[in-house]
Amino acid sequence: MDLSLPTRPSPPAAHPAARPLLGPTWFAAVMGTGIVANAAATLPRTFPGLRAAATVVWAGAGILLVVLAARYLRQRAIRSHAADPVMAQFFGAPPMALLTVGAGALLLGKDVIGLDVAVGVDWVLWLTGTALGLVTACTVPYLMVTRHRFAPDAAFGGWLMPVVPPMVSAATGALLVPHTPAGQPRLTLLLGCYAMLGLGLIATLLVLAMIYGRLVHHEVPTGATVPTVWIGLGALGQSVTALGALASVAPGALPAPYARGTAVLALLGGIVVWGFAMLWLALATGLTVRTIRAGLPFAPTWWSFIFPVGACVTATGTLATRTGSAPLGWTTAALYTALVFAWLVVAGRSLRHTTQHVRRPAGQVVDRQRRAHDDERDRRRSHTVERASGPVQERPVPRAHRRDHAMDPHSGIRAAIEEHWRASERGDIDAEHAVYAQDAVLDYPQSGERFRGRAAISAQRGGHAADRHFALRRIVGGGDLWVSECVITYDGVPTVSVSVMEFAGGHVVHETQYFADPFAAPESRAALAERMPGRGVGEA
């Protein structure tokens, strides 16, 4: 994935100094954790100890929200994330995280912090999340139309993320209707929630049509893209939940005939949408099982399993409560059991992923930055090399390896690779990945990660908070196999990258990329070694 963006990152474990950039996708962890708690509070039937456990989970979601928000804002990466056509979709996750935690304050937190404080917390988080959600719902589609460029098979579940937040605002805003002054304020809130429900639901149906067309007419999605198919289930579930929640509070704001109409809409409209949601659940389950058999590597998109299932739980529970249907009640319990199990699995994998990407000690970073600064200064100068015939002025290596393209039968491929690295340097995400086939595969052998598809490759190369530069050393190869050697610096800290690209039809179909840190030359070899002209990276 991503996925945040427009320049080429190393795998998190491959670079000792640059922290992996936190993308907005990780706010889905707050959404998923929060929905596990909130869904427990809305089950048609409860169990001993369930509410207390759910309150603890809600508190954990709140803490996680604070940590992620502080870390994300400190990165100042919003602009770079907005420039990426994949990562920009996930700007919908932070607003929904705020709304989910805010709703939990009223559903569960009031038992701990008191009703008045809970209402205040929910108002702050709801207003903030709603404002951000509406901005996202308007801005991201605008960027998709005016700035981003997409291939015919680019549609994926992440396209739903920008348009779902208004529906979440509608569902969670219903909790605040009884706590709003009667009269025009309460009526305005209720009607505003219905308007946001319409905004999100109709936009969701449009996007689902595009996603279904992509699934039918193009290759089956693979890898980390597959979990995003579940987002469709979450969007549909949220609409049913919102219809039921708003109908429950409508009598306090609308005249009786209209209030009864909202109840009819919540039941009949809700059951119709729920039926379609079950179809999407079956489709998503089938694609997921198929992908698990082939290998499903962990990615932040795994959290796409959790919130959608939670939304399906609340939707089914809403219909069960409104109709008194025993089968719907049993279905709610079964879905909630699956939700808790899935949450435990994804949370465990996320913790494991996090512990594998801990930062190195700060002292190592400072030392490497100092050495890298000196090396970068030397690299940018012309180098004088002592030879038997006397000093010879040598040009920088990339220039020395250029060929006359008019005489090179593979000049087209070489030019495409050179443009790939130039685009990486200038931060042009589209140009950087134009060299890849739609179904290209990228491997990081050192971390064991594999990314399938141009969209996944582009997303996982999310932007870094560090100032990055790409110094291409050389390109060698012929036919369908080409190797690039490049030095990537993160805030002046260098990493040597070797990229092995396999071509077919003029595009990269398989890339294997290795990363290596510079190291100081030991004194024991000093008498045997000489300085590599223009090629040193990490000498002290």
Protein backbone atom coordinates (compact mmCIF):
# COMPACT_ATOMS: atom_id res chain seq x y z
CA MET A 1 0.00 0.00 0.00
CA ASP A 2 -0.84 3.82 1.45
CA LEU A 3 0.62 3.12 1.50
CA SER A 4 1.14 8.25 2.68
CA LEU A 5 4.10 9.02 -0.57
CA PRO A 6 5.39 10.56 -3.67
CA THR A 7 8.98 9.43 -3.27
CA ARG A 8 10.67 6.13 -2.94
CA PRO A 9 11.07 4.69 0.58
CA SER A 10 13.21 1.86 1.82
CA PRO A 11 11.52 -0.92 3.76
CA PRO A 12 11.17 0.11 7.40
CA ALA A 13 13.64 -2.48 8.62
CA ALA A 14 16.20 -1.58 6.00
CA HIS A 15 17.08 1.87 7.21
CA PRO A 16 18.32 2.51 10.73
CA ALA A 17 17.62 6.21 11.03
CA ALA A 18 14.49 7.07 9.11
CA ARG A 19 11.32 6.17 10.96
CA PRO A 20 8.65 4.54 8.84
CA LEU A 21 6.20 7.29 8.01
CA LEU A 22 2.86 6.91 9.70
CA GLY A 23 0.12 6.96 7.09
CA PRO A 24 -3.55 7.81 7.70
CA THR A 25 -4.32 4.12 7.11
CA TRP A 26 -3.26 3.38 10.69
CA PHE A 27 -6.21 5.37 12.04
CA ALA A 28 -8.27 2.40 10.90
CA ALA A 29 -6.85 0.69 13.99
CA VAL A 30 -8.71 3.23 16.13
CA MET A 31 -11.85 2.73 14.05
CA GLY A 32 -11.65 -1.04 14.39
CA THR A 33 -10.90 -1.02 18.10
CA GLY A 34 -13.62 1.52 18.77
CA ILE A 35 -16.26 -0.39 16.81
CA VAL A 36 -15.52 -3.55 18.81
CA ALA A 37 -16.42 -1.60 21.96
CA ASN A 38 -19.38 0.33 20.53
CA ALA A 39 -20.95 -2.73 18.92
CA ALA A 40 -20.92 -4.49 22.30
CA ALA A 41 -22.97 -1.64 23.77
CA THR A 42 -25.63 -1.95 21.06
CA LEU A 43 -26.09 -5.74 20.95
CA PRO A 44 -29.72 -6.86 21.28
CA ARG A 45 -28.60 -9.19 24.06
CA THR A 46 -25.70 -8.66 26.44
CA PHE A 47 -23.52 -10.94 28.54
CA PRO A 48 -22.04 -10.60 32.04
CA GLY A 49 -18.84 -8.57 31.99
CA LEU A 50 -19.21 -7.60 28.35
CA ARG A 51 -19.93 -3.93 29.02
CA ALA A 52 -16.97 -3.59 31.39
CA ALA A 53 -14.64 -5.22 28.85
CA ALA A 54 -16.02 -3.02 26.10
CA THR A 55 -15.36 0.09 28.21
CA VAL A 56 -11.71 -0.93 28.59
CA VAL A 57 -11.43 -1.46 24.84
CA TRP A 58 -13.01 1.96 24.22
CA ALA A 59 -10.46 3.58 26.56
CA GLY A 60 -7.69 1.84 24.62
CA ALA A 61 -9.07 3.21 21.37
CA GLY A 62 -9.07 6.70 22.86
CA ILE A 63 -5.44 6.42 23.95
CA LEU A 64 -4.46 5.05 20.56
CA LEU A 65 -6.24 7.96 18.87
CA VAL A 66 -4.25 10.50 20.88
CA VAL A 67 -0.94 8.75 20.17
CA LEU A 68 -1.54 8.39 16.44
CA ALA A 69 -2.86 11.94 16.04
CA ALA A 70 0.16 13.42 17.83
CA ARG A 71 2.59 11.33 15.79
CA TYR A 72 0.86 12.03 12.49
CA LEU A 73 0.61 15.79 12.97
CA ARG A 74 4.25 15.95 14.02
CA GLN A 75 5.28 14.44 10.68
CA ARG A 76 3.77 17.31 8.66
CA ALA A 77 3.13 14.89 5.83
CA ILE A 78 -0.42 15.87 4.90
CA ARG A 79 0.60 17.59 1.67
CA SER A 80 2.72 14.69 0.45
CA HIS A 81 -0.04 12.24 1.33
CA ALA A 82 -2.61 14.31 -0.56
CA ALA A 83 -0.39 14.13 -3.65
CA ASP A 84 -0.54 10.35 -3.70
CA PRO A 85 -3.60 8.92 -5.52
CA VAL A 86 -3.74 5.87 -3.23
CA MET A 87 -2.85 7.26 0.18
CA ALA A 88 -5.12 10.29 -0.23
CA GLN A 89 -8.11 7.95 -0.14
CA PHE A 90 -7.36 7.05 3.46
CA PHE A 91 -7.77 10.62 4.71
CA GLY A 92 -11.24 9.38 5.61
CA ALA A 93 -9.83 7.23 8.41
CA PRO A 94 -8.88 9.99 10.93
CA PRO A 95 -12.38 11.59 10.90
CA MET A 96 -14.03 8.21 11.41
CA ALA A 97 -11.61 7.44 14.23
CA LEU A 98 -12.68 10.65 15.98
CA LEU A 99 -16.36 9.88 15.47
CA THR A 100 -16.03 6.31 16.71
CA VAL A 101 -14.26 7.26 19.92
CA GLY A 102 -16.72 10.11 20.48
CA ALA A 103 -19.69 7.77 20.14
CA GLY A 104 -18.08 5.40 22.61
CA ALA A 105 -17.91 8.21 25.15
CA LEU A 106 -21.72 8.35 25.21
CA LEU A 107 -22.32 4.62 24.85
CA LEU A 108 -19.71 3.42 27.37
CA GLY A 109 -17.56 6.21 28.74
CA LYS A 110 -20.41 7.87 30.61
CA ASP A 111 -20.21 5.05 33.16
CA VAL A 112 -16.69 6.19 34.03
CA ILE A 113 -16.47 9.92 33.32
CA GLY A 114 -20.09 10.88 33.89
CA LEU A 115 -22.80 11.83 31.46
CA ASP A 116 -22.05 15.56 31.27
CA VAL A 117 -18.36 15.02 30.51
CA ALA A 118 -19.21 12.26 28.05
CA VAL A 119 -21.60 14.54 26.18
CA GLY A 120 -18.95 17.28 26.04
CA VAL A 121 -16.29 14.88 24.77
CA ASP A 122 -18.64 13.52 22.13
CA TRP A 123 -19.62 17.00 20.94
CA VAL A 124 -15.96 17.99 20.49
CA LEU A 125 -15.01 14.80 18.68
CA TRP A 126 -18.20 14.73 16.61
CA LEU A 127 -17.86 18.32 15.44
CA THR A 128 -14.16 17.85 14.64
CA GLY A 129 -14.68 14.52 12.92
CA THR A 130 -17.67 15.78 10.95
CA ALA A 131 -15.84 18.87 9.74
CA LEU A 132 -12.81 16.80 8.69
CA GLY A 133 -15.06 14.18 7.11
CA LEU A 134 -16.93 16.70 4.99
CA VAL A 135 -13.67 18.30 3.89
CA THR A 136 -12.35 14.87 2.94
CA ALA A 137 -15.55 13.89 1.12
CA CYS A 138 -15.30 17.02 -1.02
CA THR A 139 -11.54 17.43 -1.42
CA VAL A 140 -10.40 13.90 -2.27
CA PRO A 141 -12.84 13.41 -5.17
CA TYR A 142 -11.81 16.85 -6.44
CA LEU A 143 -8.15 15.80 -6.36
CA MET A 144 -9.04 12.55 -8.11
CA VAL A 145 -10.70 14.49 -10.93
CA THR A 146 -8.20 17.34 -11.32
CA ARG A 147 -4.77 16.06 -10.25
CA HIS A 148 -4.59 12.32 -9.85
CA ARG A 149 -4.49 10.00 -12.83
CA PHE A 150 -5.90 6.47 -12.71
CA ALA A 151 -5.66 3.44 -14.94
CA PRO A 152 -8.92 1.69 -15.94
CA ASP A 153 -8.34 -0.98 -13.28
CA ALA A 154 -7.35 1.42 -10.49
CA ALA A 155 -10.64 1.35 -8.54
CA PHE A 156 -10.34 -0.42 -5.19
CA GLY A 157 -12.11 -0.44 -1.85
CA GLY A 158 -10.06 2.47 -0.57
CA TRP A 159 -12.02 4.78 -2.88
CA LEU A 160 -14.90 4.47 -0.41
CA MET A 161 -12.92 5.87 2.50
CA PRO A 162 -13.36 9.57 1.65
CA VAL A 163 -17.15 9.34 1.24
CA VAL A 164 -18.05 7.13 4.21
CA PRO A 165 -17.26 9.64 7.04
CA PRO A 166 -20.50 11.65 6.50
CA MET A 167 -22.50 8.45 7.03
CA VAL A 168 -20.60 7.77 10.24
CA SER A 169 -21.37 11.34 11.28
CA ALA A 170 -25.05 10.66 10.63
CA ALA A 171 -25.07 7.48 12.70
CA THR A 172 -23.09 8.93 15.62
CA GLY A 173 -24.81 12.31 15.43
CA ALA A 174 -28.08 10.58 16.31
CA LEU A 175 -26.65 9.97 19.79
CA LEU A 176 -26.37 13.73 20.30
CA VAL A 177 -29.87 14.63 19.14
CA PRO A 178 -31.46 14.05 22.60
CA HIS A 179 -28.72 16.21 24.14
CA THR A 180 -29.42 19.10 21.78
CA PRO A 181 -31.82 21.89 22.80
CA ALA A 182 -35.35 21.24 21.53
CA GLY A 183 -36.69 23.23 18.64
CA GLN A 184 -34.61 24.48 15.74
CA PRO A 185 -31.21 23.29 17.06
CA ARG A 186 -32.43 19.71 17.44
CA LEU A 187 -34.27 19.77 14.11
CA THR A 188 -31.22 21.21 12.35
CA LEU A 189 -28.98 18.47 13.73
CA LEU A 190 -31.42 15.73 12.73
CA LEU A 191 -31.90 17.05 9.19
CA GLY A 192 -28.18 17.62 8.82
CA CYS A 193 -27.55 13.99 9.77
CA TYR A 194 -30.05 12.81 7.15
CA ALA A 195 -28.37 15.04 4.56
CA MET A 196 -24.97 13.56 5.39
CA LEU A 197 -26.46 10.07 5.19
CA GLY A 198 -27.69 10.84 1.68
CA LEU A 199 -24.32 12.29 0.69
CA GLY A 200 -22.44 9.22 1.84
CA LEU A 201 -24.90 6.57 0.71
CA ILE A 202 -25.32 7.78 -2.87
CA ALA A 203 -21.58 8.37 -3.26
CA THR A 204 -20.99 4.88 -1.85
CA LEU A 205 -23.29 3.29 -4.42
CA LEU A 206 -21.47 5.12 -7.23
CA VAL A 207 -18.08 3.93 -6.01
CA LEU A 208 -19.30 0.38 -5.42
CA ALA A 209 -20.39 0.27 -9.07
CA MET A 210 -16.87 1.27 -10.14
CA ILE A 211 -15.29 -1.31 -7.83
CA TYR A 212 -17.61 -4.06 -9.10
CA GLY A 213 -16.80 -3.10 -12.70
CA ARG A 214 -13.10 -3.32 -11.92
CA LEU A 215 -13.54 -6.76 -10.33
CA VAL A 216 -15.49 -8.08 -13.31
CA HIS A 217 -13.49 -6.57 -16.18
CA HIS A 218 -9.92 -6.75 -14.87
CA GLU A 219 -7.58 -9.05 -13.02
CA VAL A 220 -8.64 -10.29 -9.60
CA PRO A 221 -7.07 -8.10 -6.86
CA THR A 222 -4.30 -9.72 -4.89
CA GLY A 223 -2.21 -9.13 -1.80
CA ALA A 224 -2.86 -6.23 0.55
CA THR A 225 -5.48 -4.73 -1.78
CA VAL A 226 -7.97 -7.52 -1.09
CA PRO A 227 -8.91 -6.49 2.49
CA THR A 228 -10.08 -3.12 1.15
CA VAL A 229 -12.94 -4.90 -0.63
CA TRP A 230 -14.51 -5.25 2.83
CA ILE A 231 -14.84 -1.46 3.10
CA GLY A 232 -17.93 -1.77 0.91
CA LEU A 233 -19.57 -3.86 3.62
CA GLY A 234 -18.76 -1.18 6.19
CA ALA A 235 -20.28 1.57 4.07
CA LEU A 236 -23.51 -0.35 3.56
CA GLY A 237 -23.66 -1.33 7.23
CA GLN A 238 -23.19 2.28 8.32
CA SER A 239 -26.15 3.38 6.22
CA VAL A 240 -28.44 0.82 7.86
CA THR A 241 -27.13 1.76 11.32
CA ALA A 242 -27.68 5.46 10.60
CA LEU A 243 -31.25 4.88 9.38
CA GLY A 244 -32.12 3.02 12.55
CA ALA A 245 -30.36 5.45 14.91
CA LEU A 246 -31.98 8.52 13.34
CA ALA A 247 -35.43 6.93 13.33
CA SER A 248 -35.10 6.27 17.05
CA VAL A 249 -34.54 9.96 17.86
CA ALA A 250 -36.75 11.49 15.15
CA PRO A 251 -39.90 11.67 17.35
CA GLY A 252 -38.16 14.26 19.49
CA ALA A 253 -37.56 16.58 16.54
CA LEU A 254 -40.12 15.84 13.81
CA PRO A 255 -43.93 15.92 13.75
CA ALA A 256 -45.54 12.54 14.37
CA PRO A 257 -46.35 11.64 10.71
CA TYR A 258 -42.80 12.27 9.60
CA ALA A 259 -41.35 10.51 12.62
CA ARG A 260 -43.40 7.41 11.73
CA GLY A 261 -42.10 7.74 8.17
CA THR A 262 -38.51 7.59 9.40
CA ALA A 263 -39.35 4.36 11.23
CA VAL A 264 -40.76 2.84 8.04
CA LEU A 265 -37.69 3.96 6.10
CA ALA A 266 -35.38 2.53 8.75
CA LEU A 267 -37.07 -0.86 8.55
CA LEU A 268 -37.85 -1.29 4.86
CA GLY A 269 -34.90 0.69 3.50
CA GLY A 270 -32.60 -0.83 6.08
CA ILE A 271 -33.53 -4.43 5.29
CA VAL A 272 -33.11 -3.82 1.55
CA VAL A 273 -29.64 -2.35 1.97
CA TRP A 274 -28.77 -5.08 4.49
CA GLY A 275 -29.60 -7.70 1.88
CA PHE A 276 -27.17 -6.10 -0.55
CA ALA A 277 -24.60 -5.92 2.25
CA MET A 278 -24.88 -9.70 2.70
CA LEU A 279 -24.11 -10.14 -1.00
CA TRP A 280 -21.03 -7.96 -0.61
CA LEU A 281 -20.05 -9.92 2.51
CA ALA A 282 -20.15 -13.15 0.53
CA LEU A 283 -18.09 -11.65 -2.28
CA ALA A 284 -15.49 -10.20 0.09
CA THR A 285 -15.25 -13.47 2.00
CA GLY A 286 -14.70 -15.46 -1.17
CA LEU A 287 -11.96 -13.13 -2.41
CA THR A 288 -10.28 -13.16 0.99
CA VAL A 289 -10.26 -16.95 1.29
CA ARG A 290 -8.86 -17.17 -2.23
CA THR A 291 -6.09 -14.72 -1.37
CA ILE A 292 -5.23 -16.39 1.96
CA ARG A 293 -4.62 -19.63 0.10
CA ALA A 294 -2.18 -17.84 -2.20
CA GLY A 295 -0.59 -15.86 0.65
CA LEU A 296 -1.87 -12.68 2.29
CA PRO A 297 1.01 -10.58 3.69
CA PHE A 298 0.29 -8.32 6.64
CA ALA A 299 -0.35 -4.65 5.87
CA PRO A 300 -2.25 -1.84 7.59
CA THR A 301 -5.09 -2.63 5.20
CA TRP A 302 -5.84 -5.67 7.37
CA TRP A 303 -7.76 -3.24 9.56
CA SER A 304 -10.18 -2.99 6.64
CA PHE A 305 -11.60 -6.28 7.92
CA ILE A 306 -12.56 -4.92 11.32
CA PHE A 307 -14.62 -1.73 11.06
CA PRO A 308 -16.77 -3.08 8.20
CA VAL A 309 -17.65 -6.22 10.15
CA GLY A 310 -18.38 -4.01 13.18
CA ALA A 311 -20.68 -1.84 11.06
CA CYS A 312 -22.40 -5.00 9.87
CA VAL A 313 -22.90 -6.02 13.52
CA THR A 314 -24.50 -2.68 14.43
CA ALA A 315 -26.67 -2.77 11.28
CA THR A 316 -27.91 -6.28 11.96
CA GLY A 317 -28.45 -5.47 15.63
CA THR A 318 -30.44 -2.38 14.70
CA LEU A 319 -32.76 -4.43 12.50
CA ALA A 320 -33.05 -7.17 15.12
CA THR A 321 -34.06 -4.65 17.78
CA ARG A 322 -36.54 -2.89 15.50
CA THR A 323 -38.22 -6.09 14.28
CA GLY A 324 -37.76 -8.46 17.21
CA SER A 325 -36.48 -11.05 14.72
CA ALA A 326 -34.75 -13.96 16.46
CA PRO A 327 -32.74 -14.99 13.35
CA LEU A 328 -31.38 -11.46 13.05
CA GLY A 329 -30.49 -11.55 16.75
CA TRP A 330 -28.57 -14.79 16.30
CA THR A 331 -26.85 -13.39 13.23
CA THR A 332 -25.81 -10.35 15.24
CA ALA A 333 -24.25 -12.52 17.93
CA ALA A 334 -22.41 -14.64 15.34
CA LEU A 335 -21.07 -11.59 13.54
CA TYR A 336 -19.91 -10.03 16.81
CA THR A 337 -18.07 -13.22 17.73
CA ALA A 338 -16.32 -13.15 14.34
CA LEU A 339 -15.57 -9.45 14.86
CA VAL A 340 -13.83 -10.03 18.21
CA PHE A 341 -11.81 -12.92 16.80
CA ALA A 342 -10.73 -10.92 13.75
CA TRP A 343 -9.84 -7.93 15.94
CA LEU A 344 -7.62 -10.08 18.16
CA VAL A 345 -5.81 -11.47 15.12
CA VAL A 346 -5.27 -8.12 13.41
CA ALA A 347 -4.33 -6.34 16.64
CA GLY A 348 -1.80 -9.05 17.40
CA ARG A 349 -0.25 -8.84 13.95
CA SER A 350 -0.15 -5.05 14.20
CA LEU A 351 1.72 -5.21 17.51
CA ARG A 352 4.15 -7.68 16.01
CA HIS A 353 4.62 -5.44 12.99
CA THR A 354 5.26 -2.44 15.24
CA THR A 355 7.83 -4.20 17.41
CA GLN A 356 9.73 -5.27 14.29
CA HIS A 357 10.14 -1.64 13.22
CA VAL A 358 11.47 -0.02 16.38
CA ARG A 359 13.88 2.85 15.94
CA ARG A 360 17.63 2.60 16.52
CA PRO A 361 19.33 4.54 19.36
CA ALA A 362 19.56 8.26 18.72
CA GLY A 363 23.35 8.23 19.07
CA GLN A 364 23.69 5.99 16.04
CA VAL A 365 21.48 8.31 14.05
CA VAL A 366 23.52 11.41 14.90
CA ASP A 367 26.77 9.65 14.07
CA ARG A 368 25.45 8.41 10.76
CA GLN A 369 24.07 11.83 9.90
CA ARG A 370 27.46 13.42 10.55
CA ARG A 371 29.25 10.89 8.36
CA ALA A 372 26.57 11.16 5.69
CA HIS A 373 26.85 14.95 5.60
CA ASP A 374 30.54 14.70 4.83
CA ASP A 375 29.97 12.00 2.24
CA GLU A 376 27.21 13.96 0.52
CA ARG A 377 29.51 16.97 0.35
CA ASP A 378 32.26 14.88 -1.24
CA ARG A 379 29.87 13.13 -3.61
CA ARG A 380 28.61 16.39 -5.06
CA ARG A 381 32.13 17.50 -5.90
CA SER A 382 34.29 16.24 -8.73
CA HIS A 383 36.83 13.72 -7.47
CA THR A 384 40.56 13.75 -8.12
CA VAL A 385 41.97 10.26 -8.51
CA GLU A 386 45.66 9.52 -8.18
CA ARG A 387 46.81 7.26 -11.03
CA ALA A 388 50.17 6.23 -12.45
CA SER A 389 49.94 8.92 -15.10
CA GLY A 390 49.19 11.58 -12.54
CA PRO A 391 46.03 13.14 -11.19
CA VAL A 392 42.98 12.72 -13.39
CA GLN A 393 39.79 14.76 -12.92
CA GLU A 394 36.87 12.31 -12.80
CA ARG A 395 33.24 13.27 -13.36
CA PRO A 396 30.46 12.03 -11.03
CA VAL A 397 29.65 8.40 -11.66
CA PRO A 398 26.11 8.77 -13.06
CA ARG A 399 27.47 10.97 -15.85
CA ALA A 400 30.28 8.50 -16.52
CA HIS A 401 27.79 5.72 -17.13
CA ARG A 402 25.64 7.54 -19.65
CA ARG A 403 25.47 6.13 -23.16
CA ASP A 404 24.60 7.51 -26.52
CA HIS A 405 20.99 6.43 -26.71
CA ALA A 406 20.99 6.66 -30.46
CA MET A 407 23.50 3.76 -30.55
CA ASP A 408 21.86 1.76 -27.73
CA PRO A 409 19.22 -0.80 -28.82
CA HIS A 410 17.79 -0.76 -25.29
CA SER A 411 17.70 3.02 -24.99
CA GLY A 412 13.93 3.01 -24.41
CA ILE A 413 14.17 0.82 -21.33
CA ARG A 414 17.24 2.66 -20.06
CA ALA A 415 15.47 5.99 -20.51
CA ALA A 416 12.41 4.68 -18.64
CA ILE A 417 14.56 3.57 -15.70
CA GLU A 418 16.39 6.89 -15.62
CA GLU A 419 13.06 8.74 -15.61
CA HIS A 420 11.88 6.47 -12.80
CA TRP A 421 14.76 7.62 -10.59
CA ARG A 422 14.47 11.27 -11.67
CA ALA A 423 10.76 11.17 -10.74
CA SER A 424 11.68 9.65 -7.38
CA GLU A 425 14.01 12.59 -6.74
CA ARG A 426 11.46 15.25 -7.68
CA GLY A 427 8.55 13.52 -5.92
CA ASP A 428 6.38 12.78 -8.96
CA ILE A 429 4.44 9.68 -7.85
CA ASP A 430 2.75 9.09 -11.22
CA ALA A 431 5.91 9.35 -13.29
CA GLU A 432 7.84 7.26 -10.76
CA HIS A 433 5.51 4.30 -11.17
CA ALA A 434 4.71 4.67 -14.88
CA VAL A 435 7.44 2.11 -15.60
CA TYR A 436 5.54 -0.66 -13.79
CA ALA A 437 2.99 -2.99 -15.32
CA GLN A 438 -0.44 -2.98 -13.67
CA ASP A 439 0.20 -6.45 -12.20
CA ALA A 440 3.87 -5.88 -11.34
CA VAL A 441 5.38 -7.52 -8.28
CA LEU A 442 7.87 -5.86 -5.92
CA ASP A 443 9.93 -7.96 -3.49
CA TYR A 444 11.93 -6.85 -0.45
CA PRO A 445 13.92 -10.03 0.36
CA GLN A 446 15.40 -8.53 3.54
CA SER A 447 11.98 -8.06 5.15
CA GLY A 448 10.22 -10.87 3.31
CA GLU A 449 7.57 -8.52 1.92
CA ARG A 450 5.93 -8.85 -1.48
CA PHE A 451 3.66 -6.21 -3.02
CA ARG A 452 1.39 -7.11 -5.93
CA GLY A 453 0.08 -4.57 -8.40
CA ARG A 454 1.14 -1.05 -9.30
CA ALA A 455 -1.37 0.43 -6.84
CA ALA A 456 0.05 -1.54 -3.90
CA ILE A 457 3.63 -0.69 -4.90
CA SER A 458 2.80 2.99 -5.14
CA ALA A 459 0.92 2.97 -1.82
CA GLN A 460 3.63 1.26 0.24
CA ARG A 461 6.22 3.71 -1.05
CA GLY A 462 4.56 6.31 1.12
CA GLY A 463 6.17 9.64 1.80
CA HIS A 464 8.69 10.04 4.57
CA ALA A 465 8.99 12.90 6.99
CA ALA A 466 12.71 12.91 6.20
CA ASP A 467 14.24 15.03 3.44
CA ARG A 468 15.14 12.42 0.82
CA HIS A 469 17.38 12.46 -2.20
CA PHE A 470 18.18 9.84 -4.81
CA ALA A 471 21.67 9.69 -6.32
CA LEU A 472 21.71 7.22 -9.22
CA ARG A 473 25.14 5.63 -9.50
CA ARG A 474 24.72 3.39 -12.51
CA ILE A 475 22.35 1.33 -14.61
CA VAL A 476 23.55 -1.91 -16.17
CA GLY A 477 21.66 -4.58 -18.05
CA GLY A 478 20.26 -5.69 -21.34
CA GLY A 479 17.25 -7.39 -22.81
CA ASP A 480 14.64 -7.87 -20.09
CA LEU A 481 16.94 -7.69 -17.04
CA TRP A 482 18.27 -4.39 -15.66
CA VAL A 483 20.04 -3.45 -12.44
CA SER A 484 20.22 0.02 -10.85
CA GLU A 485 22.54 1.14 -8.07
CA CYS A 486 21.34 4.17 -6.16
CA VAL A 487 22.21 5.95 -2.92
CA ILE A 488 19.11 7.17 -1.06
CA THR A 489 19.67 9.71 1.70
CA TYR A 490 17.20 10.38 4.51
CA ASP A 491 17.97 13.70 6.19
CA GLY A 492 21.49 13.17 4.94
CA VAL A 493 21.71 9.57 6.19
CA PRO A 494 22.59 7.30 3.25
CA THR A 495 21.38 3.84 2.29
CA VAL A 496 22.67 1.99 -0.77
CA SER A 497 19.89 0.48 -2.86
CA VAL A 498 20.27 -2.15 -5.58
CA SER A 499 17.20 -2.64 -7.75
CA VAL A 500 16.82 -5.64 -10.05
CA MET A 501 14.09 -5.03 -12.63
CA GLU A 502 12.63 -7.64 -14.97
CA PHE A 503 10.81 -6.24 -18.01
CA ALA A 504 8.11 -7.56 -20.32
CA GLY A 505 6.37 -5.51 -22.95
CA GLY A 506 8.35 -2.43 -22.00
CA HIS A 507 7.20 -2.40 -18.36
CA VAL A 508 8.59 -3.75 -15.10
CA VAL A 509 6.80 -6.96 -14.18
CA HIS A 510 9.05 -7.95 -11.27
CA GLU A 511 11.41 -5.86 -9.17
CA THR A 512 13.65 -7.10 -6.37
CA GLN A 513 15.14 -4.37 -4.24
CA TYR A 514 17.92 -4.61 -1.66
CA PHE A 515 19.02 -2.00 0.87
CA ALA A 516 22.33 -1.77 2.71
CA ASP A 517 23.68 0.67 5.27
CA PRO A 518 27.17 2.15 4.90
CA PHE A 519 29.79 1.12 7.42
CA ALA A 520 33.14 2.47 8.51
CA ALA A 521 36.21 0.81 7.02
CA PRO A 522 38.17 -1.10 9.70
CA GLU A 523 41.73 -0.05 10.37
CA SER A 524 42.92 -3.63 9.83
CA ARG A 525 42.28 -3.32 6.09
CA ALA A 526 43.64 0.17 5.67
CA ALA A 527 46.95 -0.98 4.22
CA LEU A 528 45.20 -3.07 1.57
CA ALA A 529 42.42 -0.71 0.49
CA GLU A 530 42.20 2.49 -1.51
CA ARG A 531 39.42 5.05 -1.74
CA MET A 532 36.71 4.28 -4.32
CA PRO A 533 36.67 7.37 -6.54
CA GLY A 534 33.28 9.00 -6.24
CA ARG A 535 31.71 5.88 -4.79
CA GLY A 536 32.25 6.07 -1.03
CA VAL A 537 29.11 6.36 1.03
CA GLY A 538 29.75 6.00 4.72
CA GLU A 539 33.32 6.70 5.69
CA ALA A 540 33.79 8.43 9.02
